[in-house]
Amino acid sequence: MKLLAIDTATPRAAVALHLPIGGAERRLESRSAFRDCVPAIHDLLTENDVGWDQLDGLAIPGGPGSFTGLRIGATIAVALAELRGVTLYAPSTLLAVCELCARPDQSRVCATFDARRERRYAAVCERAGSRGWRLLHGPADLEPDRIAAFARGATEVRLEDAMPAVGTIATAVGSLVEQSPDRYRVADASGFEPDYARPGVDVS
């Protein structure tokens, strides 16, 4: 598949291009992701000589994440999907954390990342063979001292602990879609709503 992945909802904001052989990415500063996202997409496609008519889809993390960041990514992706006539895909952000951070020998993990307000987003996930990862329970918005009980014995993998060279959530989201596109396809892009995993609005 040829996929364009956009993440403005996590500290590793980036746009990534997934190609049948290789790929490329542009990292974004979280505080300027809205301003820089569309120019970065344009540059990424141009530098790799990929036209919109060649893309098989757009991928974004489906949440949880920064409320504002999720809204930015969803707004840009939905608008582009409808304008360019490409399919939208939206795997859970926490599945992308598993894809990015779990070791090859880990089959069941509790993926977490900073939810601000001294809380963490979390989900327990397990490998699904060649189909990436699946959620067992979560996502949840938890105080850090509740993670161990929520994990039910699964090893915690934290987005913050992954080395920068490992990649970004945008890269991981694209990898998940490539492994199992039907699972993450959004049937109606115009009606897409991210999973915020918390009842209140976080304006961060």
N, C-alpha and C. Protein backbone atom coordinates (compact mmCIF):
# COMPACT_ATOMS: atom_id res chain seq x y z
N MET A 1 0.83 -1.20 0.00
CA MET A 1 0.00 0.00 0.00
C MET A 1 0.87 1.26 0.00
N LYS A 2 0.35 2.32 -0.58
CA LYS A 2 0.94 3.64 -0.47
C LYS A 2 0.04 4.46 0.44
N LEU A 3 0.57 4.79 1.62
CA LEU A 3 -0.23 5.46 2.65
C LEU A 3 0.45 6.74 3.11
N LEU A 4 -0.36 7.74 3.38
CA LEU A 4 0.12 8.94 4.06
C LEU A 4 -0.45 8.90 5.46
N ALA A 5 0.41 8.96 6.47
CA ALA A 5 -0.02 8.92 7.87
C ALA A 5 0.27 10.26 8.53
N ILE A 6 -0.67 10.73 9.33
CA ILE A 6 -0.58 12.03 9.99
C ILE A 6 -0.81 11.85 11.48
N ASP A 7 0.11 12.35 12.31
CA ASP A 7 -0.10 12.34 13.76
C ASP A 7 0.23 13.71 14.32
N THR A 8 -0.78 14.38 14.84
CA THR A 8 -0.59 15.64 15.56
C THR A 8 -1.07 15.52 17.00
N ALA A 9 -1.32 14.28 17.46
CA ALA A 9 -1.96 14.07 18.76
C ALA A 9 -1.02 13.58 19.85
N THR A 10 0.23 13.29 19.51
CA THR A 10 1.18 12.79 20.51
C THR A 10 2.44 13.65 20.49
N PRO A 11 3.30 13.48 21.50
CA PRO A 11 4.55 14.25 21.52
C PRO A 11 5.46 13.94 20.34
N ARG A 12 5.23 12.83 19.64
CA ARG A 12 6.06 12.49 18.47
C ARG A 12 5.33 12.83 17.18
N ALA A 13 4.75 14.01 17.13
CA ALA A 13 3.98 14.43 15.96
C ALA A 13 4.83 14.32 14.70
N ALA A 14 4.20 13.84 13.63
CA ALA A 14 4.92 13.64 12.36
C ALA A 14 3.94 13.34 11.25
N VAL A 15 4.40 13.46 10.04
CA VAL A 15 3.71 12.91 8.88
C VAL A 15 4.66 11.88 8.27
N ALA A 16 4.10 10.78 7.81
CA ALA A 16 4.93 9.70 7.28
C ALA A 16 4.32 9.17 6.00
N LEU A 17 5.18 8.81 5.08
CA LEU A 17 4.77 8.23 3.81
C LEU A 17 5.22 6.78 3.79
N HIS A 18 4.26 5.88 3.60
CA HIS A 18 4.54 4.45 3.55
C HIS A 18 4.45 3.98 2.11
N LEU A 19 5.53 3.39 1.61
CA LEU A 19 5.60 2.94 0.23
C LEU A 19 5.85 1.45 0.20
N PRO A 20 5.57 0.78 -0.93
CA PRO A 20 5.81 -0.67 -1.00
C PRO A 20 7.24 -1.04 -0.63
N ILE A 21 8.18 -0.18 -0.96
CA ILE A 21 9.58 -0.38 -0.56
C ILE A 21 10.04 0.89 0.13
N GLY A 22 10.23 0.80 1.46
CA GLY A 22 10.71 1.95 2.20
C GLY A 22 9.64 2.95 2.54
N GLY A 23 10.07 4.16 2.81
CA GLY A 23 9.16 5.23 3.19
C GLY A 23 9.96 6.41 3.69
N ALA A 24 9.26 7.43 4.15
CA ALA A 24 9.91 8.64 4.65
C ALA A 24 8.99 9.31 5.64
N GLU A 25 9.55 10.18 6.48
CA GLU A 25 8.73 10.90 7.43
C GLU A 25 9.28 12.29 7.69
N ARG A 26 8.41 13.16 8.14
CA ARG A 26 8.78 14.50 8.57
C ARG A 26 8.25 14.70 9.98
N ARG A 27 9.13 14.98 10.92
CA ARG A 27 8.69 15.21 12.28
C ARG A 27 8.24 16.65 12.45
N LEU A 28 7.25 16.83 13.32
CA LEU A 28 6.66 18.14 13.55
C LEU A 28 6.82 18.53 15.01
N GLU A 29 6.97 19.81 15.25
CA GLU A 29 6.93 20.32 16.62
C GLU A 29 5.47 20.33 17.07
N SER A 30 5.19 19.73 18.22
CA SER A 30 3.81 19.59 18.67
C SER A 30 3.08 20.93 18.73
N ARG A 31 3.76 21.98 19.18
CA ARG A 31 3.10 23.28 19.35
C ARG A 31 2.83 23.99 18.03
N SER A 32 3.48 23.55 16.95
CA SER A 32 3.26 24.18 15.65
C SER A 32 2.74 23.18 14.62
N ALA A 33 2.19 22.06 15.11
CA ALA A 33 1.78 20.99 14.20
C ALA A 33 0.70 21.45 13.22
N PHE A 34 -0.25 22.26 13.70
CA PHE A 34 -1.33 22.71 12.80
C PHE A 34 -0.77 23.55 11.66
N ARG A 35 0.13 24.46 12.00
CA ARG A 35 0.71 25.35 10.99
C ARG A 35 1.61 24.58 10.02
N ASP A 36 2.36 23.62 10.53
CA ASP A 36 3.39 22.96 9.72
C ASP A 36 2.93 21.68 9.03
N CYS A 37 1.77 21.14 9.42
CA CYS A 37 1.38 19.81 8.94
C CYS A 37 1.17 19.79 7.42
N VAL A 38 0.35 20.68 6.89
CA VAL A 38 0.04 20.65 5.46
C VAL A 38 1.28 20.93 4.61
N PRO A 39 2.12 21.93 4.94
CA PRO A 39 3.36 22.09 4.17
C PRO A 39 4.26 20.86 4.22
N ALA A 40 4.31 20.20 5.39
CA ALA A 40 5.14 19.00 5.51
C ALA A 40 4.61 17.88 4.62
N ILE A 41 3.28 17.74 4.55
CA ILE A 41 2.68 16.73 3.67
C ILE A 41 3.05 17.02 2.21
N HIS A 42 2.91 18.28 1.82
CA HIS A 42 3.24 18.66 0.44
C HIS A 42 4.69 18.34 0.12
N ASP A 43 5.61 18.71 1.02
CA ASP A 43 7.03 18.46 0.78
C ASP A 43 7.33 16.97 0.72
N LEU A 44 6.71 16.20 1.60
CA LEU A 44 6.96 14.76 1.65
C LEU A 44 6.53 14.08 0.35
N LEU A 45 5.36 14.42 -0.13
CA LEU A 45 4.87 13.83 -1.38
C LEU A 45 5.73 14.27 -2.56
N THR A 46 6.08 15.55 -2.60
CA THR A 46 6.88 16.07 -3.71
C THR A 46 8.26 15.44 -3.75
N GLU A 47 8.90 15.37 -2.59
CA GLU A 47 10.26 14.82 -2.53
C GLU A 47 10.30 13.35 -2.93
N ASN A 48 9.21 12.63 -2.72
CA ASN A 48 9.17 11.21 -3.05
C ASN A 48 8.41 10.92 -4.34
N ASP A 49 8.06 11.99 -5.07
CA ASP A 49 7.42 11.88 -6.38
C ASP A 49 6.16 11.03 -6.32
N VAL A 50 5.32 11.30 -5.30
CA VAL A 50 4.07 10.58 -5.12
C VAL A 50 2.91 11.56 -5.27
N GLY A 51 1.98 11.27 -6.16
CA GLY A 51 0.81 12.11 -6.35
C GLY A 51 -0.36 11.60 -5.54
N TRP A 52 -1.33 12.48 -5.31
CA TRP A 52 -2.51 12.08 -4.55
C TRP A 52 -3.25 10.92 -5.20
N ASP A 53 -3.23 10.86 -6.51
CA ASP A 53 -3.93 9.77 -7.20
C ASP A 53 -3.23 8.44 -7.05
N GLN A 54 -2.02 8.44 -6.48
CA GLN A 54 -1.28 7.19 -6.26
C GLN A 54 -1.47 6.64 -4.85
N LEU A 55 -2.06 7.43 -3.97
CA LEU A 55 -2.21 7.00 -2.58
C LEU A 55 -3.39 6.03 -2.43
N ASP A 56 -3.19 5.01 -1.61
CA ASP A 56 -4.26 4.07 -1.28
C ASP A 56 -5.07 4.52 -0.08
N GLY A 57 -4.55 5.46 0.68
CA GLY A 57 -5.30 5.92 1.83
C GLY A 57 -4.53 6.89 2.70
N LEU A 58 -5.26 7.45 3.67
CA LEU A 58 -4.72 8.31 4.71
C LEU A 58 -4.92 7.62 6.05
N ALA A 59 -3.92 7.69 6.92
CA ALA A 59 -4.02 7.05 8.23
C ALA A 59 -3.73 8.06 9.32
N ILE A 60 -4.52 8.00 10.39
CA ILE A 60 -4.30 8.84 11.56
C ILE A 60 -4.51 8.00 12.82
N PRO A 61 -3.89 8.37 13.94
CA PRO A 61 -4.23 7.71 15.20
C PRO A 61 -5.65 8.07 15.60
N GLY A 62 -6.44 7.07 15.94
CA GLY A 62 -7.85 7.30 16.25
C GLY A 62 -8.12 7.75 17.66
N GLY A 63 -7.08 7.95 18.44
CA GLY A 63 -7.22 8.35 19.82
C GLY A 63 -6.91 7.18 20.75
N PRO A 64 -6.65 7.50 22.01
CA PRO A 64 -6.68 8.82 22.62
C PRO A 64 -5.44 9.64 22.28
N GLY A 65 -5.40 10.85 22.85
CA GLY A 65 -4.30 11.76 22.63
C GLY A 65 -4.72 13.15 23.05
N SER A 66 -3.87 14.12 22.81
CA SER A 66 -4.21 15.51 23.08
C SER A 66 -5.51 15.86 22.38
N PHE A 67 -6.45 16.46 23.11
CA PHE A 67 -7.74 16.81 22.51
C PHE A 67 -7.54 17.70 21.29
N THR A 68 -6.78 18.77 21.46
CA THR A 68 -6.55 19.68 20.33
C THR A 68 -5.81 18.98 19.21
N GLY A 69 -4.80 18.18 19.55
CA GLY A 69 -4.03 17.48 18.53
C GLY A 69 -4.87 16.48 17.75
N LEU A 70 -5.74 15.76 18.44
CA LEU A 70 -6.63 14.83 17.75
C LEU A 70 -7.56 15.57 16.80
N ARG A 71 -8.09 16.70 17.25
CA ARG A 71 -8.99 17.48 16.40
C ARG A 71 -8.26 18.02 15.17
N ILE A 72 -7.03 18.47 15.36
CA ILE A 72 -6.26 18.98 14.23
C ILE A 72 -6.03 17.87 13.20
N GLY A 73 -5.52 16.73 13.67
CA GLY A 73 -5.24 15.63 12.75
C GLY A 73 -6.48 15.12 12.05
N ALA A 74 -7.57 14.98 12.81
CA ALA A 74 -8.82 14.49 12.21
C ALA A 74 -9.36 15.47 11.19
N THR A 75 -9.32 16.76 11.51
CA THR A 75 -9.84 17.77 10.58
C THR A 75 -9.06 17.77 9.27
N ILE A 76 -7.74 17.75 9.38
CA ILE A 76 -6.91 17.75 8.17
C ILE A 76 -7.13 16.47 7.37
N ALA A 77 -7.12 15.32 8.05
CA ALA A 77 -7.24 14.05 7.35
C ALA A 77 -8.60 13.87 6.69
N VAL A 78 -9.67 14.22 7.42
CA VAL A 78 -11.01 14.08 6.85
C VAL A 78 -11.16 14.99 5.62
N ALA A 79 -10.69 16.23 5.74
CA ALA A 79 -10.79 17.15 4.62
C ALA A 79 -10.02 16.63 3.41
N LEU A 80 -8.81 16.13 3.64
CA LEU A 80 -8.00 15.62 2.53
C LEU A 80 -8.60 14.35 1.94
N ALA A 81 -9.12 13.46 2.80
CA ALA A 81 -9.72 12.22 2.32
C ALA A 81 -10.90 12.51 1.41
N GLU A 82 -11.74 13.47 1.81
CA GLU A 82 -12.90 13.79 1.01
C GLU A 82 -12.52 14.56 -0.26
N LEU A 83 -11.58 15.47 -0.13
CA LEU A 83 -11.15 16.27 -1.28
C LEU A 83 -10.46 15.41 -2.33
N ARG A 84 -9.61 14.48 -1.86
CA ARG A 84 -8.81 13.68 -2.79
C ARG A 84 -9.43 12.32 -3.11
N GLY A 85 -10.52 11.98 -2.42
CA GLY A 85 -11.19 10.72 -2.70
C GLY A 85 -10.40 9.49 -2.29
N VAL A 86 -9.71 9.57 -1.13
CA VAL A 86 -8.95 8.42 -0.64
C VAL A 86 -9.56 7.92 0.65
N THR A 87 -9.31 6.67 0.98
CA THR A 87 -9.87 6.02 2.16
C THR A 87 -9.16 6.50 3.42
N LEU A 88 -9.92 6.68 4.50
CA LEU A 88 -9.37 7.07 5.79
C LEU A 88 -9.28 5.85 6.70
N TYR A 89 -8.17 5.72 7.40
CA TYR A 89 -7.95 4.64 8.37
C TYR A 89 -7.57 5.26 9.71
N ALA A 90 -8.01 4.62 10.82
CA ALA A 90 -7.76 5.22 12.14
C ALA A 90 -7.56 4.17 13.23
N PRO A 91 -6.39 3.53 13.29
CA PRO A 91 -6.10 2.62 14.40
C PRO A 91 -5.98 3.37 15.72
N SER A 92 -6.22 2.69 16.82
CA SER A 92 -6.04 3.29 18.14
C SER A 92 -4.60 3.77 18.32
N THR A 93 -4.45 4.92 18.94
CA THR A 93 -3.12 5.44 19.24
C THR A 93 -2.33 4.44 20.09
N LEU A 94 -3.01 3.76 21.00
CA LEU A 94 -2.32 2.83 21.90
C LEU A 94 -1.87 1.57 21.17
N LEU A 95 -2.59 1.13 20.15
CA LEU A 95 -2.08 0.04 19.32
C LEU A 95 -0.81 0.48 18.61
N ALA A 96 -0.77 1.73 18.20
CA ALA A 96 0.44 2.25 17.55
C ALA A 96 1.61 2.28 18.53
N VAL A 97 1.34 2.58 19.80
CA VAL A 97 2.39 2.53 20.82
C VAL A 97 2.95 1.11 20.92
N CYS A 98 2.07 0.11 20.91
CA CYS A 98 2.52 -1.29 20.91
C CYS A 98 3.41 -1.57 19.71
N GLU A 99 2.94 -1.18 18.54
CA GLU A 99 3.68 -1.44 17.31
C GLU A 99 5.05 -0.79 17.34
N LEU A 100 5.13 0.38 17.93
CA LEU A 100 6.37 1.14 17.95
C LEU A 100 7.32 0.69 19.06
N CYS A 101 6.77 0.33 20.22
CA CYS A 101 7.59 0.19 21.42
C CYS A 101 7.80 -1.24 21.93
N ALA A 102 6.89 -2.16 21.63
CA ALA A 102 7.01 -3.52 22.19
C ALA A 102 8.16 -4.28 21.53
N ARG A 103 8.86 -5.08 22.31
CA ARG A 103 9.91 -5.93 21.77
C ARG A 103 9.30 -7.09 21.00
N PRO A 104 10.05 -7.68 20.07
CA PRO A 104 9.52 -8.82 19.30
C PRO A 104 9.08 -10.00 20.15
N ASP A 105 9.70 -10.16 21.34
CA ASP A 105 9.35 -11.30 22.20
C ASP A 105 8.18 -11.01 23.12
N GLN A 106 7.62 -9.81 23.06
CA GLN A 106 6.49 -9.46 23.92
C GLN A 106 5.19 -9.65 23.16
N SER A 107 4.33 -10.53 23.69
CA SER A 107 3.06 -10.81 23.02
C SER A 107 1.87 -10.14 23.68
N ARG A 108 2.04 -9.71 24.92
CA ARG A 108 0.94 -9.05 25.64
C ARG A 108 1.53 -7.91 26.46
N VAL A 109 1.08 -6.69 26.22
CA VAL A 109 1.66 -5.53 26.88
C VAL A 109 0.57 -4.55 27.29
N CYS A 110 0.93 -3.65 28.19
CA CYS A 110 0.07 -2.52 28.53
C CYS A 110 0.74 -1.27 27.98
N ALA A 111 0.19 -0.74 26.91
CA ALA A 111 0.74 0.45 26.26
C ALA A 111 0.26 1.70 26.98
N THR A 112 1.16 2.63 27.25
CA THR A 112 0.79 3.87 27.93
C THR A 112 1.54 5.06 27.34
N PHE A 113 0.94 6.24 27.50
CA PHE A 113 1.66 7.48 27.23
C PHE A 113 1.01 8.62 28.01
N ASP A 114 1.72 9.72 28.10
CA ASP A 114 1.32 10.85 28.94
C ASP A 114 -0.02 11.44 28.51
N ALA A 115 -0.96 11.52 29.45
CA ALA A 115 -2.27 12.13 29.20
C ALA A 115 -2.36 13.53 29.82
N ARG A 116 -1.25 14.01 30.36
CA ARG A 116 -1.20 15.28 31.08
C ARG A 116 -2.08 15.21 32.32
N ARG A 117 -2.12 16.32 33.07
CA ARG A 117 -2.86 16.36 34.34
C ARG A 117 -2.42 15.25 35.29
N GLU A 118 -1.14 14.81 35.18
CA GLU A 118 -0.59 13.74 36.01
C GLU A 118 -1.37 12.44 35.83
N ARG A 119 -1.76 12.14 34.59
CA ARG A 119 -2.47 10.92 34.26
C ARG A 119 -1.84 10.30 33.02
N ARG A 120 -2.22 9.03 32.73
CA ARG A 120 -1.69 8.35 31.56
C ARG A 120 -2.82 7.63 30.83
N TYR A 121 -2.74 7.65 29.50
CA TYR A 121 -3.62 6.80 28.70
C TYR A 121 -3.04 5.40 28.70
N ALA A 122 -3.91 4.39 28.74
CA ALA A 122 -3.42 3.02 28.82
C ALA A 122 -4.39 2.06 28.13
N ALA A 123 -3.84 0.98 27.61
CA ALA A 123 -4.63 -0.13 27.06
C ALA A 123 -3.80 -1.39 27.10
N VAL A 124 -4.44 -2.50 27.44
CA VAL A 124 -3.78 -3.80 27.40
C VAL A 124 -4.05 -4.42 26.03
N CYS A 125 -3.00 -4.85 25.37
CA CYS A 125 -3.09 -5.34 23.99
C CYS A 125 -2.30 -6.62 23.84
N GLU A 126 -2.64 -7.40 22.83
CA GLU A 126 -1.87 -8.60 22.52
C GLU A 126 -1.64 -8.68 21.02
N ARG A 127 -0.57 -9.38 20.66
CA ARG A 127 -0.26 -9.55 19.24
C ARG A 127 -1.35 -10.39 18.57
N ALA A 128 -1.62 -10.04 17.33
CA ALA A 128 -2.63 -10.77 16.54
C ALA A 128 -1.98 -11.38 15.31
N GLY A 129 -0.86 -12.05 15.53
CA GLY A 129 -0.15 -12.70 14.43
C GLY A 129 0.30 -11.69 13.39
N SER A 130 -0.01 -11.97 12.14
CA SER A 130 0.38 -11.08 11.05
C SER A 130 -0.54 -9.86 10.95
N ARG A 131 -1.54 -9.78 11.83
CA ARG A 131 -2.51 -8.68 11.77
C ARG A 131 -2.23 -7.61 12.82
N GLY A 132 -0.98 -7.54 13.27
CA GLY A 132 -0.61 -6.47 14.19
C GLY A 132 -1.00 -6.76 15.63
N TRP A 133 -1.79 -5.87 16.23
CA TRP A 133 -2.18 -5.94 17.63
C TRP A 133 -3.69 -5.79 17.77
N ARG A 134 -4.24 -6.30 18.88
CA ARG A 134 -5.65 -6.07 19.17
C ARG A 134 -5.79 -5.65 20.63
N LEU A 135 -6.79 -4.84 20.88
CA LEU A 135 -7.08 -4.37 22.23
C LEU A 135 -7.76 -5.46 23.04
N LEU A 136 -7.30 -5.67 24.27
CA LEU A 136 -7.97 -6.57 25.21
C LEU A 136 -8.86 -5.77 26.16
N HIS A 137 -8.33 -4.70 26.72
CA HIS A 137 -9.19 -3.76 27.44
C HIS A 137 -8.55 -2.38 27.45
N GLY A 138 -9.41 -1.38 27.51
CA GLY A 138 -9.00 0.00 27.35
C GLY A 138 -9.51 0.51 26.01
N PRO A 139 -9.19 1.72 25.64
CA PRO A 139 -8.28 2.62 26.36
C PRO A 139 -8.90 3.23 27.61
N ALA A 140 -8.01 3.61 28.52
CA ALA A 140 -8.43 4.22 29.77
C ALA A 140 -7.55 5.42 30.07
N ASP A 141 -8.07 6.29 30.90
CA ASP A 141 -7.37 7.50 31.34
C ASP A 141 -7.14 7.32 32.84
N LEU A 142 -5.89 7.05 33.26
CA LEU A 142 -5.64 6.59 34.62
C LEU A 142 -4.58 7.41 35.33
N GLU A 143 -4.66 7.40 36.67
CA GLU A 143 -3.56 7.89 37.47
C GLU A 143 -2.42 6.86 37.38
N PRO A 144 -1.17 7.31 37.39
CA PRO A 144 -0.05 6.37 37.21
C PRO A 144 -0.03 5.21 38.19
N ASP A 145 -0.47 5.44 39.42
CA ASP A 145 -0.41 4.35 40.40
C ASP A 145 -1.50 3.28 40.19
N ARG A 146 -2.38 3.49 39.20
CA ARG A 146 -3.40 2.50 38.88
C ARG A 146 -3.01 1.64 37.66
N ILE A 147 -1.88 1.97 37.04
CA ILE A 147 -1.49 1.26 35.82
C ILE A 147 -1.23 -0.22 36.08
N ALA A 148 -0.54 -0.54 37.17
CA ALA A 148 -0.18 -1.93 37.44
C ALA A 148 -1.41 -2.80 37.60
N ALA A 149 -2.41 -2.34 38.35
CA ALA A 149 -3.63 -3.13 38.52
C ALA A 149 -4.39 -3.25 37.21
N PHE A 150 -4.43 -2.17 36.43
CA PHE A 150 -5.11 -2.20 35.14
C PHE A 150 -4.42 -3.17 34.18
N ALA A 151 -3.09 -3.26 34.25
CA ALA A 151 -2.33 -4.09 33.31
C ALA A 151 -2.55 -5.58 33.52
N ARG A 152 -2.96 -5.97 34.71
CA ARG A 152 -3.25 -7.39 35.00
C ARG A 152 -2.09 -8.30 34.60
N GLY A 153 -0.89 -7.88 34.97
CA GLY A 153 0.29 -8.70 34.72
C GLY A 153 1.01 -8.42 33.41
N ALA A 154 0.41 -7.66 32.53
CA ALA A 154 1.07 -7.33 31.28
C ALA A 154 2.18 -6.31 31.53
N THR A 155 3.26 -6.42 30.79
CA THR A 155 4.38 -5.49 30.93
C THR A 155 4.02 -4.14 30.34
N GLU A 156 4.29 -3.08 31.09
CA GLU A 156 4.00 -1.74 30.57
C GLU A 156 5.06 -1.33 29.55
N VAL A 157 4.62 -0.82 28.41
CA VAL A 157 5.51 -0.22 27.42
C VAL A 157 5.08 1.23 27.26
N ARG A 158 6.03 2.13 27.44
CA ARG A 158 5.74 3.56 27.48
C ARG A 158 6.29 4.24 26.23
N LEU A 159 5.46 5.06 25.60
CA LEU A 159 5.91 5.78 24.42
C LEU A 159 7.15 6.61 24.72
N GLU A 160 7.20 7.19 25.92
CA GLU A 160 8.31 8.07 26.27
C GLU A 160 9.64 7.33 26.37
N ASP A 161 9.59 6.01 26.58
CA ASP A 161 10.82 5.24 26.75
C ASP A 161 11.42 4.78 25.42
N ALA A 162 10.68 4.91 24.33
CA ALA A 162 11.19 4.48 23.03
C ALA A 162 12.26 5.45 22.55
N MET A 163 13.33 4.92 22.01
CA MET A 163 14.39 5.76 21.50
C MET A 163 13.89 6.56 20.29
N PRO A 164 14.32 7.82 20.15
CA PRO A 164 13.87 8.64 19.01
C PRO A 164 14.11 7.98 17.66
N ALA A 165 15.18 7.19 17.55
CA ALA A 165 15.49 6.56 16.27
C ALA A 165 14.50 5.47 15.89
N VAL A 166 13.71 5.01 16.86
CA VAL A 166 12.75 3.93 16.59
C VAL A 166 11.71 4.35 15.56
N GLY A 167 11.29 5.61 15.62
CA GLY A 167 10.27 6.09 14.70
C GLY A 167 9.21 6.90 15.41
N THR A 168 8.09 7.08 14.76
CA THR A 168 7.01 7.92 15.28
C THR A 168 5.70 7.15 15.27
N ILE A 169 4.70 7.72 15.93
CA ILE A 169 3.36 7.14 15.91
C ILE A 169 2.81 7.13 14.49
N ALA A 170 3.13 8.14 13.69
CA ALA A 170 2.68 8.16 12.29
C ALA A 170 3.22 6.94 11.54
N THR A 171 4.48 6.61 11.77
CA THR A 171 5.07 5.42 11.14
C THR A 171 4.34 4.16 11.61
N ALA A 172 4.08 4.07 12.92
CA ALA A 172 3.44 2.88 13.47
C ALA A 172 2.00 2.74 13.01
N VAL A 173 1.27 3.85 12.91
CA VAL A 173 -0.11 3.82 12.43
C VAL A 173 -0.15 3.26 11.00
N GLY A 174 0.75 3.74 10.15
CA GLY A 174 0.80 3.23 8.79
C GLY A 174 1.12 1.75 8.74
N SER A 175 2.02 1.30 9.61
CA SER A 175 2.37 -0.12 9.66
C SER A 175 1.16 -0.98 10.05
N LEU A 176 0.39 -0.53 11.02
CA LEU A 176 -0.82 -1.26 11.42
C LEU A 176 -1.81 -1.37 10.27
N VAL A 177 -2.02 -0.28 9.56
CA VAL A 177 -2.97 -0.30 8.44
C VAL A 177 -2.50 -1.24 7.35
N GLU A 178 -1.22 -1.24 7.07
CA GLU A 178 -0.68 -2.14 6.05
C GLU A 178 -0.92 -3.60 6.41
N GLN A 179 -0.85 -3.92 7.70
CA GLN A 179 -1.03 -5.30 8.14
C GLN A 179 -2.50 -5.73 8.11
N SER A 180 -3.41 -4.80 8.37
CA SER A 180 -4.82 -5.17 8.47
C SER A 180 -5.72 -4.00 8.09
N PRO A 181 -5.75 -3.64 6.81
CA PRO A 181 -6.51 -2.44 6.41
C PRO A 181 -8.00 -2.51 6.71
N ASP A 182 -8.62 -3.67 6.55
CA ASP A 182 -10.06 -3.76 6.78
C ASP A 182 -10.44 -3.44 8.22
N ARG A 183 -9.57 -3.78 9.15
CA ARG A 183 -9.86 -3.57 10.57
C ARG A 183 -9.94 -2.09 10.91
N TYR A 184 -9.16 -1.27 10.23
CA TYR A 184 -9.02 0.13 10.63
C TYR A 184 -9.68 1.11 9.66
N ARG A 185 -10.35 0.60 8.64
CA ARG A 185 -10.99 1.49 7.66
C ARG A 185 -12.15 2.24 8.31
N VAL A 186 -12.23 3.53 8.05
CA VAL A 186 -13.33 4.37 8.53
C VAL A 186 -14.40 4.39 7.44
N ALA A 187 -15.58 3.86 7.76
CA ALA A 187 -16.62 3.72 6.75
C ALA A 187 -17.12 5.07 6.24
N ASP A 188 -17.24 6.03 7.16
CA ASP A 188 -17.75 7.35 6.80
C ASP A 188 -16.80 8.40 7.34
N ALA A 189 -15.88 8.88 6.50
CA ALA A 189 -14.87 9.82 6.96
C ALA A 189 -15.50 11.09 7.52
N SER A 190 -16.57 11.56 6.92
CA SER A 190 -17.19 12.82 7.36
C SER A 190 -17.76 12.71 8.77
N GLY A 191 -18.08 11.49 9.22
CA GLY A 191 -18.63 11.31 10.55
C GLY A 191 -17.62 10.81 11.56
N PHE A 192 -16.33 10.80 11.21
CA PHE A 192 -15.31 10.27 12.11
C PHE A 192 -15.18 11.11 13.37
N GLU A 193 -15.10 10.43 14.50
CA GLU A 193 -14.92 11.08 15.79
C GLU A 193 -13.83 10.33 16.56
N PRO A 194 -12.74 10.99 16.97
CA PRO A 194 -11.68 10.31 17.71
C PRO A 194 -12.17 9.78 19.06
N ASP A 195 -11.44 8.82 19.60
CA ASP A 195 -11.72 8.28 20.94
C ASP A 195 -10.86 9.06 21.93
N TYR A 196 -11.51 9.94 22.70
CA TYR A 196 -10.76 10.79 23.61
C TYR A 196 -10.41 10.09 24.92
N ALA A 197 -11.12 9.03 25.25
CA ALA A 197 -10.83 8.20 26.44
C ALA A 197 -10.93 8.95 27.75
N ARG A 198 -11.58 10.11 27.77
CA ARG A 198 -11.83 10.81 29.02
C ARG A 198 -13.11 11.61 28.86
N PRO A 199 -13.89 11.72 29.92
CA PRO A 199 -15.19 12.38 29.80
C PRO A 199 -15.13 13.88 29.60
N GLY A 200 -14.11 14.52 30.15
CA GLY A 200 -14.01 15.96 30.04
C GLY A 200 -13.16 16.36 28.86
N VAL A 201 -13.27 17.59 28.42
CA VAL A 201 -12.47 18.11 27.32
C VAL A 201 -11.14 18.59 27.83
N ASP A 202 -10.07 18.04 27.27
CA ASP A 202 -8.71 18.48 27.60
C ASP A 202 -8.27 19.42 26.49
N VAL A 203 -8.12 20.68 26.81
CA VAL A 203 -7.80 21.67 25.78
C VAL A 203 -6.31 21.75 25.51
N SER A 204 -5.52 20.83 26.07
CA SER A 204 -4.07 20.86 25.84
C SER A 204 -3.74 20.39 24.45
